[in-house]
Amino acid sequence: MIRFVAVLMLLIPGIISAVGIKLMRDSLFNDFYPVFFHISIQFIAGFLLFLGGLAFIAGFIVYRDRKNQKNKRQSK
């Protein structure tokens, strides 16, 4: 059950990052969504979604590695 929750914790930010990439790509190819007022706001929103999802996943991995005491140099 705990592993399932961990997968969900990584899946949701991954989806958010994918939506951010899609918004940035659509703004570069002039596919404008009327929710945003200007195409540059759409790009900035996509960039922030991408960075937020990526930061969450990176923080999760760093926290897990610190918790399991995985260092660059491991003693033999």
C-alpha atoms as a PDB file:
ATOM      1  CA  MET A   1       0.000   0.000   0.000  1.00  0.00           C
ATOM      2  CA  ILE A   2       2.840   2.389   0.827  1.00  0.00           C
ATOM      3  CA  ARG A   3       4.491   1.787  -2.552  1.00  0.00           C
ATOM      4  CA  PHE A   4       1.187   2.545  -4.272  1.00  0.00           C
ATOM      5  CA  VAL A   5       0.976   5.864  -2.461  1.00  0.00           C
ATOM      6  CA  ALA A   6       4.588   6.613  -3.433  1.00  0.00           C
ATOM      7  CA  VAL A   7       3.817   5.903  -7.091  1.00  0.00           C
ATOM      8  CA  LEU A   8       0.803   8.213  -6.916  1.00  0.00           C
ATOM      9  CA  MET A   9       2.964  10.880  -5.292  1.00  0.00           C
ATOM     10  CA  LEU A  10       5.277  10.742  -8.303  1.00  0.00           C
ATOM     11  CA  LEU A  11       2.573  10.260 -10.935  1.00  0.00           C
ATOM     12  CA  ILE A  12       0.602  13.422 -10.151  1.00  0.00           C
ATOM     13  CA  PRO A  13       3.596  15.829 -10.402  1.00  0.00           C
ATOM     14  CA  GLY A  14       4.659  13.972 -13.549  1.00  0.00           C
ATOM     15  CA  ILE A  15       1.285  14.693 -15.115  1.00  0.00           C
ATOM     16  CA  ILE A  16       1.525  18.326 -14.019  1.00  0.00           C
ATOM     17  CA  SER A  17       4.947  18.586 -15.668  1.00  0.00           C
ATOM     18  CA  ALA A  18       3.588  17.031 -18.858  1.00  0.00           C
ATOM     19  CA  VAL A  19       0.766  19.584 -18.945  1.00  0.00           C
ATOM     20  CA  GLY A  20       3.353  22.336 -18.486  1.00  0.00           C
ATOM     21  CA  ILE A  21       5.399  21.024 -21.412  1.00  0.00           C
ATOM     22  CA  LYS A  22       2.245  20.878 -23.532  1.00  0.00           C
ATOM     23  CA  LEU A  23       1.331  24.468 -22.684  1.00  0.00           C
ATOM     24  CA  MET A  24       4.829  25.670 -23.572  1.00  0.00           C
ATOM     25  CA  ARG A  25       4.818  23.730 -26.840  1.00  0.00           C
ATOM     26  CA  ASP A  26       1.379  25.012 -27.783  1.00  0.00           C
ATOM     27  CA  SER A  27       2.399  28.599 -27.112  1.00  0.00           C
ATOM     28  CA  LEU A  28       5.456  28.203 -29.360  1.00  0.00           C
ATOM     29  CA  PHE A  29       3.259  26.884 -32.179  1.00  0.00           C
ATOM     30  CA  ASN A  30       0.590  29.602 -31.629  1.00  0.00           C
ATOM     31  CA  ASP A  31      -2.092  27.253 -30.306  1.00  0.00           C
ATOM     32  CA  PHE A  32      -3.734  29.677 -27.889  1.00  0.00           C
ATOM     33  CA  TYR A  33      -6.100  28.642 -25.082  1.00  0.00           C
ATOM     34  CA  PRO A  34      -8.687  31.324 -24.217  1.00  0.00           C
ATOM     35  CA  VAL A  35      -8.216  30.696 -20.477  1.00  0.00           C
ATOM     36  CA  PHE A  36      -4.975  32.687 -20.663  1.00  0.00           C
ATOM     37  CA  PHE A  37      -5.062  36.363 -21.595  1.00  0.00           C
ATOM     38  CA  HIS A  38      -1.921  36.370 -23.722  1.00  0.00           C
ATOM     39  CA  ILE A  39       0.248  33.710 -25.302  1.00  0.00           C
ATOM     40  CA  SER A  40       3.254  34.717 -23.196  1.00  0.00           C
ATOM     41  CA  ILE A  41       1.201  34.168 -20.018  1.00  0.00           C
ATOM     42  CA  GLN A  42       0.373  30.694 -21.329  1.00  0.00           C
ATOM     43  CA  PHE A  43       4.092  29.975 -21.803  1.00  0.00           C
ATOM     44  CA  ILE A  44       4.977  31.280 -18.334  1.00  0.00           C
ATOM     45  CA  ALA A  45       2.199  29.204 -16.740  1.00  0.00           C
ATOM     46  CA  GLY A  46       3.453  26.106 -18.552  1.00  0.00           C
ATOM     47  CA  PHE A  47       7.018  26.819 -17.485  1.00  0.00           C
ATOM     48  CA  LEU A  48       5.972  27.203 -13.846  1.00  0.00           C
ATOM     49  CA  LEU A  49       3.962  23.965 -13.964  1.00  0.00           C
ATOM     50  CA  PHE A  50       6.928  22.160 -15.480  1.00  0.00           C
ATOM     51  CA  LEU A  51       9.369  23.520 -12.904  1.00  0.00           C
ATOM     52  CA  GLY A  52       6.998  22.768 -10.025  1.00  0.00           C
ATOM     53  CA  GLY A  53       6.502  19.152 -11.050  1.00  0.00           C
ATOM     54  CA  LEU A  54      10.189  18.654 -11.721  1.00  0.00           C
ATOM     55  CA  ALA A  55      11.159  20.204  -8.385  1.00  0.00           C
ATOM     56  CA  PHE A  56       8.733  17.956  -6.515  1.00  0.00           C
ATOM     57  CA  ILE A  57      10.072  14.805  -8.170  1.00  0.00           C
ATOM     58  CA  ALA A  58      13.678  15.881  -7.573  1.00  0.00           C
ATOM     59  CA  GLY A  59      12.935  16.694  -3.934  1.00  0.00           C
ATOM     60  CA  PHE A  60      11.257  13.334  -3.462  1.00  0.00           C
ATOM     61  CA  ILE A  61      14.310  11.522  -4.844  1.00  0.00           C
ATOM     62  CA  VAL A  62      16.741  13.562  -2.718  1.00  0.00           C
ATOM     63  CA  TYR A  63      14.656  12.959   0.417  1.00  0.00           C
ATOM     64  CA  ARG A  64      14.483   9.223  -0.270  1.00  0.00           C
ATOM     65  CA  ASP A  65      18.232   8.993  -0.865  1.00  0.00           C
ATOM     66  CA  ARG A  66      19.009  10.904   2.331  1.00  0.00           C
ATOM     67  CA  LYS A  67      16.592   8.743   4.263  1.00  0.00           C
ATOM     68  CA  ASN A  68      18.252   5.569   2.965  1.00  0.00           C
ATOM     69  CA  GLN A  69      21.712   7.129   3.523  1.00  0.00           C
ATOM     70  CA  LYS A  70      22.888   6.750  -0.045  1.00  0.00           C
ATOM     71  CA  ASN A  71      25.945   8.925  -0.529  1.00  0.00           C
ATOM     72  CA  LYS A  72      28.270   9.451  -3.459  1.00  0.00           C
ATOM     73  CA  ARG A  73      31.040   7.691  -1.558  1.00  0.00           C
ATOM     74  CA  GLN A  74      29.989   4.456   0.024  1.00  0.00           C
ATOM     75  CA  SER A  75      32.252   2.627   2.449  1.00  0.00           C
ATOM     76  CA  LYS A  76      33.248  -0.917   1.601  1.00  0.00           C
END
